[in-house]
C-alpha atoms as a PDB file:
ATOM      1  CA  MET A   1     167.516 184.490 158.049  1.00  0.00           C
ATOM      2  CA  TRP A   2     164.703 186.376 156.288  1.00  0.00           C
ATOM      3  CA  ASN A   3     162.124 185.271 158.811  1.00  0.00           C
ATOM      4  CA  ARG A   4     164.150 186.754 161.661  1.00  0.00           C
ATOM      5  CA  ALA A   5     164.730 189.991 159.754  1.00  0.00           C
ATOM      6  CA  LEU A   6     161.038 190.271 158.884  1.00  0.00           C
ATOM      7  CA  ALA A   7     160.054 189.576 162.495  1.00  0.00           C
ATOM      8  CA  ILE A   8     161.960 192.726 163.417  1.00  0.00           C
ATOM      9  CA  GLU A   9     160.929 194.820 160.416  1.00  0.00           C
ATOM     10  CA  PRO A  10     158.004 193.103 158.631  1.00  0.00           C
ATOM     11  CA  ASP A  11     157.608 195.647 155.830  1.00  0.00           C
ATOM     12  CA  ARG A  12     161.256 195.965 154.777  1.00  0.00           C
ATOM     13  CA  PRO A  13     161.117 195.905 150.956  1.00  0.00           C
ATOM     14  CA  ASP A  14     164.522 194.427 150.161  1.00  0.00           C
ATOM     15  CA  THR A  15     164.027 191.549 152.592  1.00  0.00           C
ATOM     16  CA  LEU A  16     160.544 190.787 151.290  1.00  0.00           C
ATOM     17  CA  PHE A  17     161.929 190.900 147.754  1.00  0.00           C
ATOM     18  CA  ASP A  18     164.811 188.557 148.560  1.00  0.00           C
ATOM     19  CA  ARG A  19     162.567 186.028 150.273  1.00  0.00           C
ATOM     20  CA  ALA A  20     159.988 186.136 147.458  1.00  0.00           C
ATOM     21  CA  LYS A  21     162.743 185.655 144.883  1.00  0.00           C
ATOM     22  CA  THR A  22     164.117 182.676 146.808  1.00  0.00           C
ATOM     23  CA  PHE A  23     160.655 181.116 147.040  1.00  0.00           C
ATOM     24  CA  LEU A  24     160.119 181.647 143.314  1.00  0.00           C
ATOM     25  CA  LEU A  25     163.459 180.107 142.394  1.00  0.00           C
ATOM     26  CA  ALA A  26     162.705 177.149 144.669  1.00  0.00           C
ATOM     27  CA  GLY A  27     159.381 176.598 142.921  1.00  0.00           C
ATOM     28  CA  ASP A  28     157.253 177.690 145.884  1.00  0.00           C
ATOM     29  CA  ASN A  29     155.106 180.083 143.875  1.00  0.00           C
ATOM     30  CA  LYS A  30     152.403 180.263 146.536  1.00  0.00           C
ATOM     31  CA  ALA A  31     154.844 181.584 149.157  1.00  0.00           C
ATOM     32  CA  ALA A  32     156.408 183.916 146.583  1.00  0.00           C
ATOM     33  CA  ALA A  33     152.951 185.306 145.780  1.00  0.00           C
ATOM     34  CA  ARG A  34     152.258 186.031 149.469  1.00  0.00           C
ATOM     35  CA  ASP A  35     155.507 187.978 149.845  1.00  0.00           C
ATOM     36  CA  LEU A  36     155.026 189.821 146.550  1.00  0.00           C
ATOM     37  CA  ASP A  37     151.486 190.771 147.516  1.00  0.00           C
ATOM     38  CA  HIS A  38     152.649 192.087 150.889  1.00  0.00           C
ATOM     39  CA  LEU A  39     155.623 193.887 149.330  1.00  0.00           C
ATOM     40  CA  LEU A  40     153.639 195.646 146.617  1.00  0.00           C
ATOM     41  CA  LYS A  41     150.801 196.613 148.966  1.00  0.00           C
ATOM     42  CA  LYS A  42     153.258 198.280 151.330  1.00  0.00           C
ATOM     43  CA  HIS A  43     155.604 199.608 148.624  1.00  0.00           C
ATOM     44  CA  PRO A  44     153.633 199.933 145.370  1.00  0.00           C
ATOM     45  CA  ARG A  45     156.444 201.848 143.616  1.00  0.00           C
ATOM     46  CA  TYR A  46     159.201 199.382 144.542  1.00  0.00           C
ATOM     47  CA  GLY A  47     160.603 198.618 141.095  1.00  0.00           C
ATOM     48  CA  PRO A  48     162.353 195.320 141.861  1.00  0.00           C
ATOM     49  CA  GLY A  49     159.071 193.981 143.251  1.00  0.00           C
ATOM     50  CA  LYS A  50     157.239 194.835 140.033  1.00  0.00           C
ATOM     51  CA  PHE A  51     160.003 193.177 138.036  1.00  0.00           C
ATOM     52  CA  LEU A  52     159.784 190.019 140.154  1.00  0.00           C
ATOM     53  CA  LEU A  53     155.994 190.081 139.859  1.00  0.00           C
ATOM     54  CA  ALA A  54     156.404 189.783 136.091  1.00  0.00           C
ATOM     55  CA  HIS A  55     158.599 186.704 136.570  1.00  0.00           C
ATOM     56  CA  TYR A  56     156.069 185.198 138.972  1.00  0.00           C
ATOM     57  CA  LEU A  57     153.203 185.772 136.546  1.00  0.00           C
ATOM     58  CA  GLU A  58     155.202 184.216 133.716  1.00  0.00           C
ATOM     59  CA  ALA A  59     155.967 181.189 135.902  1.00  0.00           C
ATOM     60  CA  GLU A  60     152.233 180.866 136.556  1.00  0.00           C
ATOM     61  CA  GLY A  61     151.534 180.849 132.809  1.00  0.00           C
ATOM     62  CA  GLN A  62     149.971 184.313 132.825  1.00  0.00           C
ATOM     63  CA  LYS A  63     151.861 185.714 129.841  1.00  0.00           C
ATOM     64  CA  GLU A  64     149.689 188.786 129.220  1.00  0.00           C
ATOM     65  CA  ALA A  65     149.695 189.755 132.897  1.00  0.00           C
ATOM     66  CA  ALA A  66     153.479 189.319 132.980  1.00  0.00           C
ATOM     67  CA  ILE A  67     153.859 191.631 129.986  1.00  0.00           C
ATOM     68  CA  GLN A  68     151.628 194.212 131.670  1.00  0.00           C
ATOM     69  CA  ALA A  69     153.681 193.989 134.879  1.00  0.00           C
ATOM     70  CA  LEU A  70     156.861 194.617 132.873  1.00  0.00           C
ATOM     71  CA  ARG A  71     155.216 197.614 131.214  1.00  0.00           C
ATOM     72  CA  GLU A  72     154.328 199.005 134.635  1.00  0.00           C
ATOM     73  CA  PHE A  73     157.891 198.420 135.782  1.00  0.00           C
ATOM     74  CA  LEU A  74     159.262 200.298 132.778  1.00  0.00           C
ATOM     75  CA  LYS A  75     156.961 203.291 133.343  1.00  0.00           C
ATOM     76  CA  GLN A  76     158.732 204.161 136.568  1.00  0.00           C
ATOM     77  CA  PRO A  77     161.884 206.261 136.294  1.00  0.00           C
ATOM     78  CA  ASP A  78     165.203 204.813 137.411  1.00  0.00           C
ATOM     79  CA  ASN A  79     164.107 201.200 137.389  1.00  0.00           C
ATOM     80  CA  ASP A  80     166.813 198.712 136.652  1.00  0.00           C
ATOM     81  CA  PRO A  81     166.160 194.987 136.781  1.00  0.00           C
ATOM     82  CA  PRO A  82     167.454 193.488 140.024  1.00  0.00           C
END
């Protein structure tokens, strides 16, 4: 489903977010990292992506980086966790 949607619109933030979240929940952190990297390069102010990045970093054992990602998320106005 996401692959077809991204084939049509490869930079769509909500689709990249959803696929990265699914990869992360499935334990495929490498695939999640690729989507998060692409998402945040194309949409650096996309709040849900920054929030998910914090979860990814925590899953990778990078506690300090995860805390910093959450701080960056909270700096942006109107950010609510997805």
